[in-house]
N, C-alpha and C. Protein backbone atom coordinates (compact mmCIF):
# COMPACT_ATOMS: atom_id res chain seq x y z
N MET A 1 224.85 11.18 -147.90
CA MET A 1 224.66 12.93 -147.28
C MET A 1 223.88 13.43 -147.16
N PRO A 2 223.02 13.35 -146.79
CA PRO A 2 221.85 14.56 -146.37
C PRO A 2 221.94 15.07 -145.95
N LYS A 3 222.34 16.92 -147.04
CA LYS A 3 222.72 18.09 -146.45
C LYS A 3 221.26 19.31 -145.67
N ILE A 4 221.80 18.75 -144.72
CA ILE A 4 220.07 19.14 -144.20
C ILE A 4 220.43 20.73 -143.88
N PHE A 5 221.27 21.74 -143.91
CA PHE A 5 221.31 23.52 -143.49
C PHE A 5 222.85 23.62 -144.19
N GLU A 6 222.92 24.80 -144.90
CA GLU A 6 223.68 25.66 -145.40
C GLU A 6 223.97 27.16 -144.61
N TYR A 7 224.31 27.15 -143.20
CA TYR A 7 224.64 28.58 -142.47
C TYR A 7 225.81 29.51 -142.69
N LEU A 8 225.85 30.75 -143.15
CA LEU A 8 226.90 31.00 -143.67
C LEU A 8 228.45 30.88 -143.88
N GLY A 9 228.23 29.32 -144.76
CA GLY A 9 229.68 29.13 -145.34
C GLY A 9 229.80 27.85 -145.45
N ILE A 10 228.62 27.22 -143.98
CA ILE A 10 228.63 26.40 -143.02
C ILE A 10 228.17 24.88 -143.11
N LEU A 11 227.77 24.15 -144.25
CA LEU A 11 227.40 22.67 -144.09
C LEU A 11 227.27 21.57 -142.70
N ILE A 12 225.54 22.17 -143.51
CA ILE A 12 225.74 21.33 -142.18
C ILE A 12 224.48 19.68 -141.90
N PHE A 13 225.02 18.60 -141.96
CA PHE A 13 224.79 17.34 -142.95
C PHE A 13 224.91 16.43 -141.42
N PHE A 14 224.04 14.90 -142.16
CA PHE A 14 223.89 13.49 -141.80
C PHE A 14 225.19 13.03 -142.96
N TYR A 15 226.01 12.15 -141.78
CA TYR A 15 226.44 10.97 -143.26
C TYR A 15 225.31 9.76 -142.93
N SER A 16 225.58 9.39 -143.82
CA SER A 16 224.00 8.20 -144.26
C SER A 16 223.56 6.51 -142.90
N ASN A 17 225.11 6.46 -142.65
CA ASN A 17 225.19 5.76 -141.66
C ASN A 17 225.07 6.19 -139.91
N GLU A 18 224.22 7.30 -139.97
CA GLU A 18 224.53 7.59 -138.93
C GLU A 18 224.23 5.91 -137.33
N HIS A 19 223.73 6.73 -136.53
CA HIS A 19 224.32 5.82 -134.88
C HIS A 19 223.76 7.21 -134.08
N GLU A 20 222.81 6.79 -132.83
CA GLU A 20 222.93 7.50 -132.27
C GLU A 20 223.63 7.50 -131.69
N PRO A 21 223.84 9.01 -130.09
CA PRO A 21 222.83 10.44 -129.67
C PRO A 21 222.02 10.34 -131.27
N ILE A 22 221.38 11.37 -131.95
CA ILE A 22 221.47 12.13 -132.29
C ILE A 22 222.54 13.46 -132.61
N HIS A 23 222.93 12.66 -133.90
CA HIS A 23 224.13 14.30 -133.70
C HIS A 23 223.78 15.00 -135.19
N VAL A 24 224.70 15.84 -135.52
CA VAL A 24 224.93 16.67 -136.64
C VAL A 24 226.47 17.24 -136.93
N HIS A 25 226.90 17.21 -138.15
CA HIS A 25 228.09 17.54 -138.78
C HIS A 25 227.57 19.06 -139.37
N ALA A 26 229.19 19.15 -139.41
CA ALA A 26 229.82 20.68 -139.88
C ALA A 26 231.21 20.99 -140.34
N LYS A 27 230.65 20.85 -141.15
CA LYS A 27 232.11 20.72 -142.35
C LYS A 27 231.94 22.47 -142.62
N TYR A 28 233.50 23.32 -142.58
CA TYR A 28 234.10 24.91 -143.37
C TYR A 28 234.76 24.65 -144.35
N ASN A 29 235.60 24.77 -145.18
CA ASN A 29 237.22 24.38 -144.80
C ASN A 29 237.68 23.77 -144.42
N GLY A 30 236.88 22.59 -144.85
CA GLY A 30 238.28 21.67 -144.60
C GLY A 30 238.31 20.31 -143.08
N CYS A 31 237.38 21.77 -142.70
CA CYS A 31 237.46 21.70 -140.97
C CYS A 31 235.77 20.36 -141.14
N GLU A 32 235.81 19.48 -139.78
CA GLU A 32 234.55 19.26 -139.92
C GLU A 32 234.94 19.01 -138.06
N SER A 33 233.47 19.11 -137.93
CA SER A 33 232.62 18.90 -135.89
C SER A 33 231.69 18.26 -136.05
N LYS A 34 230.90 17.97 -134.85
CA LYS A 34 229.77 17.21 -134.65
C LYS A 34 228.91 18.32 -133.54
N ALA A 35 228.65 17.53 -133.32
CA ALA A 35 227.01 18.47 -132.27
C ALA A 35 226.31 16.97 -131.18
N GLU A 36 226.37 16.43 -131.03
CA GLU A 36 225.46 15.33 -130.78
C GLU A 36 223.95 15.83 -129.17
N PHE A 37 223.83 14.96 -129.55
CA PHE A 37 222.22 16.39 -128.38
C PHE A 37 221.59 15.29 -127.95
N TYR A 38 221.64 15.95 -126.81
CA TYR A 38 220.73 14.90 -125.61
C TYR A 38 219.52 14.94 -125.14
N ILE A 39 218.77 14.37 -125.54
CA ILE A 39 217.19 14.24 -124.50
C ILE A 39 216.98 13.34 -123.89
N VAL A 40 216.40 14.25 -123.05
CA VAL A 40 215.28 13.43 -121.97
C VAL A 40 214.58 14.07 -121.87
N GLU A 41 213.56 13.08 -121.56
CA GLU A 41 211.37 12.88 -121.78
C GLU A 41 211.45 13.84 -122.96
N GLY A 42 211.64 13.95 -124.00
CA GLY A 42 210.94 14.07 -125.69
C GLY A 42 211.66 15.71 -125.50
N LYS A 43 212.92 16.13 -125.03
CA LYS A 43 213.41 17.63 -124.23
C LYS A 43 214.18 17.46 -125.21
N ILE A 44 215.08 18.71 -125.69
CA ILE A 44 216.56 18.48 -125.32
C ILE A 44 216.98 19.20 -124.56
N VAL A 45 217.53 18.96 -123.79
CA VAL A 45 218.44 18.79 -122.31
C VAL A 45 220.51 19.83 -122.16
N GLU A 46 221.06 19.17 -123.58
CA GLU A 46 222.04 19.52 -123.58
C GLU A 46 222.68 19.56 -124.99
N ILE A 47 223.74 20.04 -125.59
CA ILE A 47 224.46 19.46 -126.71
C ILE A 47 225.59 19.83 -127.00
N LYS A 48 226.41 18.88 -127.26
CA LYS A 48 228.52 19.32 -127.07
C LYS A 48 228.49 18.72 -128.39
N ILE A 49 229.48 20.27 -127.90
CA ILE A 49 229.91 19.46 -129.82
C ILE A 49 231.53 19.05 -129.45
N LYS A 50 232.37 18.24 -130.58
CA LYS A 50 233.06 17.45 -130.99
C LYS A 50 233.86 17.44 -131.98
N PRO A 51 235.05 17.39 -131.15
CA PRO A 51 235.92 16.78 -132.92
C PRO A 51 235.66 15.81 -133.75
N VAL A 52 235.72 16.02 -134.63
CA VAL A 52 235.48 14.41 -135.45
C VAL A 52 237.73 13.75 -135.80
N ARG A 53 237.01 11.82 -135.51
CA ARG A 53 238.12 11.87 -135.13
C ARG A 53 239.34 11.75 -137.26
N GLY A 54 240.70 12.64 -136.93
CA GLY A 54 240.96 12.18 -137.89
C GLY A 54 241.22 13.71 -138.73
N LEU A 55 240.16 14.54 -138.32
CA LEU A 55 240.05 15.68 -139.12
C LEU A 55 240.14 17.32 -138.11
N ASN A 56 240.47 18.08 -138.84
CA ASN A 56 240.61 19.17 -137.43
C ASN A 56 239.03 20.34 -137.41
N PRO A 57 239.55 19.96 -136.49
CA PRO A 57 237.53 21.07 -135.91
C PRO A 57 237.54 22.26 -136.64
N LEU A 58 236.52 23.06 -135.98
CA LEU A 58 235.94 23.88 -136.44
C LEU A 58 236.37 25.14 -134.87
N THR A 59 236.73 25.90 -135.31
CA THR A 59 237.56 26.92 -134.98
C THR A 59 237.31 28.60 -134.74
N GLY A 60 237.27 29.52 -133.43
CA GLY A 60 237.10 30.85 -134.07
C GLY A 60 235.52 31.36 -134.23
N SER A 61 235.73 31.95 -134.83
CA SER A 61 234.21 32.29 -135.64
C SER A 61 233.29 31.49 -136.89
N LYS A 62 233.84 30.35 -136.82
CA LYS A 62 233.04 29.33 -137.44
C LYS A 62 232.80 28.78 -136.40
N LEU A 63 233.49 28.06 -135.14
CA LEU A 63 232.91 27.30 -134.31
C LEU A 63 231.45 28.22 -133.80
N LYS A 64 231.79 29.59 -133.62
CA LYS A 64 231.07 29.90 -132.68
C LYS A 64 229.43 30.56 -133.16
N ASP A 65 229.68 30.68 -135.09
CA ASP A 65 228.84 30.69 -135.82
C ASP A 65 227.07 29.23 -135.69
N PHE A 66 228.43 27.76 -135.85
CA PHE A 66 227.26 27.09 -135.48
C PHE A 66 226.95 26.43 -134.12
N GLU A 67 227.70 27.21 -133.29
CA GLU A 67 226.70 27.07 -131.77
C GLU A 67 226.12 28.15 -131.89
N VAL A 68 225.56 29.02 -132.21
CA VAL A 68 224.35 29.86 -132.35
C VAL A 68 223.45 29.70 -133.27
N PHE A 69 223.96 29.08 -134.42
CA PHE A 69 222.66 28.05 -135.19
C PHE A 69 221.93 26.68 -134.86
N LEU A 70 222.83 26.11 -133.71
CA LEU A 70 222.84 25.19 -133.20
C LEU A 70 221.69 25.64 -132.19
N GLU A 71 221.94 26.50 -131.84
CA GLU A 71 220.31 27.43 -130.53
C GLU A 71 218.97 27.76 -130.62
N LYS A 72 219.89 28.15 -131.77
CA LYS A 72 218.76 28.47 -133.42
C LYS A 72 217.67 27.19 -133.91
N PHE A 73 218.60 26.57 -134.03
CA PHE A 73 217.71 25.61 -135.66
C PHE A 73 217.79 24.20 -134.46
N SER A 74 217.72 23.55 -132.96
CA SER A 74 218.51 22.32 -132.65
C SER A 74 216.57 21.45 -132.25
N GLU A 75 215.53 22.44 -132.12
CA GLU A 75 215.03 21.49 -132.52
C GLU A 75 215.02 20.59 -133.77
N LYS A 76 214.70 21.53 -135.68
CA LYS A 76 214.41 21.40 -136.18
C LYS A 76 215.45 20.60 -137.06
N ILE A 77 216.94 20.36 -135.81
CA ILE A 77 217.94 19.50 -137.20
C ILE A 77 217.48 17.94 -136.57
N VAL A 78 216.75 18.33 -134.64
CA VAL A 78 216.42 16.44 -134.75
C VAL A 78 214.84 16.10 -134.87
N GLU A 79 214.24 17.29 -135.82
CA GLU A 79 213.06 16.55 -136.07
C GLU A 79 213.36 16.03 -137.30
N LYS A 80 214.44 16.34 -138.07
CA LYS A 80 215.08 15.82 -139.62
C LYS A 80 215.58 15.00 -139.26
N TRP A 81 216.40 14.23 -138.37
CA TRP A 81 217.45 13.33 -138.56
C TRP A 81 215.92 11.63 -138.14
N ILE A 82 215.05 12.74 -137.48
CA ILE A 82 213.66 11.56 -137.16
C ILE A 82 213.48 11.34 -138.09
N ASP A 83 213.09 12.24 -139.14
CA ASP A 83 212.12 12.00 -140.49
C ASP A 83 213.48 11.03 -141.16
N TYR A 84 214.88 11.44 -141.26
CA TYR A 84 215.44 10.53 -142.77
C TYR A 84 215.81 9.04 -141.62
N PHE A 85 216.23 9.25 -140.28
CA PHE A 85 216.70 8.00 -139.95
C PHE A 85 215.74 6.92 -139.26
N VAL A 86 214.41 7.32 -138.84
CA VAL A 86 213.77 6.90 -138.51
C VAL A 86 212.20 6.74 -139.27
N TYR A 87 212.09 7.95 -140.18
CA TYR A 87 210.98 7.75 -141.38
C TYR A 87 211.06 7.62 -142.23
N HIS A 88 212.55 7.20 -142.41
CA HIS A 88 213.02 7.26 -143.53
C HIS A 88 212.25 8.56 -144.95
N LYS A 89 212.09 9.60 -144.70
CA LYS A 89 211.48 10.53 -145.23
C LYS A 89 212.20 11.21 -145.97
N ASN A 90 212.25 12.14 -146.68
CA ASN A 90 213.10 13.10 -147.82
C ASN A 90 213.05 14.30 -147.17
N ILE A 91 214.50 14.65 -146.86
CA ILE A 91 213.70 16.07 -145.61
C ILE A 91 214.85 17.30 -146.75
N GLU A 92 214.69 18.49 -145.95
CA GLU A 92 215.33 19.71 -147.45
C GLU A 92 215.87 20.38 -147.02
N PHE A 93 216.61 20.53 -147.91
CA PHE A 93 218.01 21.41 -147.30
C PHE A 93 217.45 23.00 -147.45
N GLU A 94 217.92 23.10 -146.33
CA GLU A 94 218.04 25.24 -146.68
C GLU A 94 218.60 25.48 -146.60
N LYS A 95 219.28 26.60 -146.70
CA LYS A 95 220.38 27.58 -146.71
C LYS A 95 220.15 29.34 -146.58
N ILE A 96 220.56 28.89 -145.35
CA ILE A 96 220.94 30.46 -144.84
C ILE A 96 221.97 31.57 -144.67
N THR A 97 221.59 32.73 -145.21
CA THR A 97 222.54 33.48 -145.48
C THR A 97 222.63 34.18 -144.91
N LYS A 98 221.80 35.64 -143.97
CA LYS A 98 221.93 36.05 -143.25
C LYS A 98 222.35 35.29 -141.71
N ARG A 99 222.68 35.78 -141.18
CA ARG A 99 223.19 35.66 -139.83
C ARG A 99 222.21 35.84 -138.81
N ILE A 100 222.31 35.05 -137.96
CA ILE A 100 221.78 34.69 -136.71
C ILE A 100 221.79 35.59 -135.97
N LYS A 101 221.13 36.84 -134.89
CA LYS A 101 221.06 36.61 -134.15
C LYS A 101 220.97 36.85 -132.50
């Protein structure tokens, strides 16, 4: 389970056996959601946040924090996904403790 970011206590990661579409998981206090990235001609055209089967989803302020994080870091997330799953590179974990504006 490669951890790629932590943002305000939200752990953002991939499972090691992931599949397409490119997506990332976010976990906070026992709740988990995932964000799927839809890419057309090399550009992210949409990000959909979805629940993870069998788990309570992120809600309220933590869901909003995750949405804001995705807006700012979506390209970096996709880059890390490709590096890890396509090129089999090690990826760097980044901890962000200040709120993104």
